[in-house]
Protein backbone atom coordinates (compact mmCIF):
# COMPACT_ATOMS: atom_id res chain seq x y z
CA MET A 1 11.10 7.46 20.12
CA LYS A 2 7.47 7.60 19.45
CA LYS A 3 5.98 5.78 16.76
CA ASN A 4 3.57 7.56 14.29
CA ASN A 5 -0.16 6.56 13.90
CA PHE A 6 -0.71 7.35 10.36
CA ARG A 7 -4.13 6.03 10.32
CA PRO A 8 -6.57 8.70 9.35
CA ALA A 9 -9.76 9.54 11.47
CA ASN A 10 -12.52 6.92 11.23
CA SER A 11 -10.36 4.27 9.77
CA GLN A 12 -11.40 0.69 10.03
CA ASN A 13 -9.38 -2.27 10.70
CA SER A 14 -10.38 -4.62 8.25
CA ALA A 15 -7.82 -5.26 5.82
CA PRO A 16 -8.59 -5.55 1.97
CA ASN A 17 -7.14 -8.36 -0.04
CA PHE A 18 -4.06 -7.23 -1.54
CA ASN A 19 -1.10 -9.41 -1.30
CA PHE A 20 2.27 -7.76 -0.77
CA SER A 21 4.09 -11.08 -1.46
CA ASN A 22 3.87 -10.91 -4.98
CA LEU A 23 4.93 -7.21 -5.20
CA SER A 24 8.06 -7.78 -7.25
CA ASN A 25 6.47 -10.25 -9.49
CA PRO A 26 3.28 -8.50 -10.81
CA THR A 27 2.21 -11.76 -12.79
CA PRO A 28 -1.20 -13.11 -12.73
CA ASN A 29 -2.14 -15.43 -9.75
CA GLN A 30 -4.95 -16.17 -7.46
CA ASN A 31 -5.48 -12.46 -6.59
CA GLY A 32 -4.99 -11.23 -10.36
CA THR A 33 -2.36 -8.79 -11.52
CA LEU A 34 -0.70 -5.91 -9.83
CA GLU A 35 -2.87 -3.75 -12.30
CA ASP A 36 -6.13 -5.33 -11.32
CA GLU A 37 -5.11 -4.79 -7.54
CA ILE A 38 -4.43 -1.13 -8.27
CA ASN A 39 -7.68 -0.84 -10.22
CA LYS A 40 -9.82 -2.03 -7.51
CA TYR A 41 -8.78 0.81 -5.40
CA SER A 42 -9.05 3.50 -8.27
CA HIS A 43 -12.56 4.63 -7.44
CA MET A 44 -11.78 5.23 -3.72
CA SER A 45 -11.14 8.73 -2.47
CA GLU A 46 -7.83 9.86 -1.49
CA GLU A 47 -8.58 9.74 2.39
CA ARG A 48 -10.08 6.14 1.92
CA LEU A 49 -7.24 5.07 -0.04
CA MET A 50 -4.68 6.26 2.71
CA GLN A 51 -7.12 4.55 5.39
CA GLU A 52 -6.68 1.16 3.32
CA MET A 53 -2.96 1.73 2.73
CA PHE A 54 -2.24 2.13 6.63
CA THR A 55 -4.43 -0.70 7.54
CA LEU A 56 -2.50 -2.89 5.21
CA VAL A 57 0.72 -1.65 6.43
CA ASP A 58 -0.24 -2.02 10.07
CA ASN A 59 -1.60 -5.39 9.35
CA GLY A 60 1.61 -6.58 7.29
CA ARG A 61 3.81 -5.26 9.84
CA LYS A 62 1.96 -7.21 12.47
CA ASN A 63 1.72 -10.60 11.01
CA GLY A 64 5.38 -10.34 9.50
CA THR A 65 4.41 -10.10 5.66
CA LEU A 66 5.63 -6.58 5.24
CA ASP A 67 8.92 -4.90 5.57
CA ASN A 68 10.57 -1.73 3.95
CA GLU A 69 11.95 -3.84 1.00
CA LYS A 70 8.47 -4.91 0.12
CA LEU A 71 7.12 -1.59 0.33
CA GLU A 72 10.03 -0.31 -1.90
CA GLN A 73 9.16 -3.13 -4.26
CA PHE A 74 5.66 -2.22 -4.31
CA PHE A 75 6.32 1.77 -5.33
CA ASN A 76 8.67 0.21 -7.69
CA SER A 77 6.04 -1.97 -9.40
CA ALA A 78 3.20 0.40 -9.00
CA SER A 79 4.90 3.68 -9.93
CA CYS A 80 4.73 2.91 -13.53
CA MET A 81 0.95 2.91 -13.77
CA LEU A 82 0.53 6.17 -11.99
CA SER A 83 0.90 9.90 -13.13
CA SER A 84 3.66 12.06 -11.77
CA GLU A 85 1.52 13.65 -9.04
CA GLN A 86 0.58 10.27 -7.96
CA VAL A 87 3.96 9.05 -7.87
CA GLY A 88 4.82 11.78 -5.67
CA LYS A 89 2.23 11.35 -3.25
CA LEU A 90 2.91 7.75 -3.22
CA ARG A 91 6.53 8.42 -2.55
CA SER A 92 5.75 10.18 0.38
CA LEU A 93 3.44 7.69 2.01
CA ILE A 94 5.91 4.90 1.56
CA ASP A 95 8.46 6.78 3.09
CA MET A 96 5.87 7.50 6.07
CA ALA A 97 5.10 3.69 6.36
CA LYS A 98 8.70 2.94 6.33
CA ASN A 99 9.17 5.02 9.07
CA SER A 100 6.20 3.91 11.11
């Protein structure tokens, strides 16, 4: 079965500093809170945000710090801070990432 490459055109391989290891516990840490992490991406276009997400997913899968459970934890933690339209888009992206 062929793996899908969900990275949009012109994506870069530089990963942002988002820490997937603390998704189930969005408390303050050295990187700030989950809300701080989400806010730092709020100014990005949808295309750029997708590029960042898939770069993070690719890198996390490669280095063993990201699995489907962590993706689901991220969705559960982040969805309460998003509009219903954003939750739907995030659900779709998480599902694509889980199948990549």
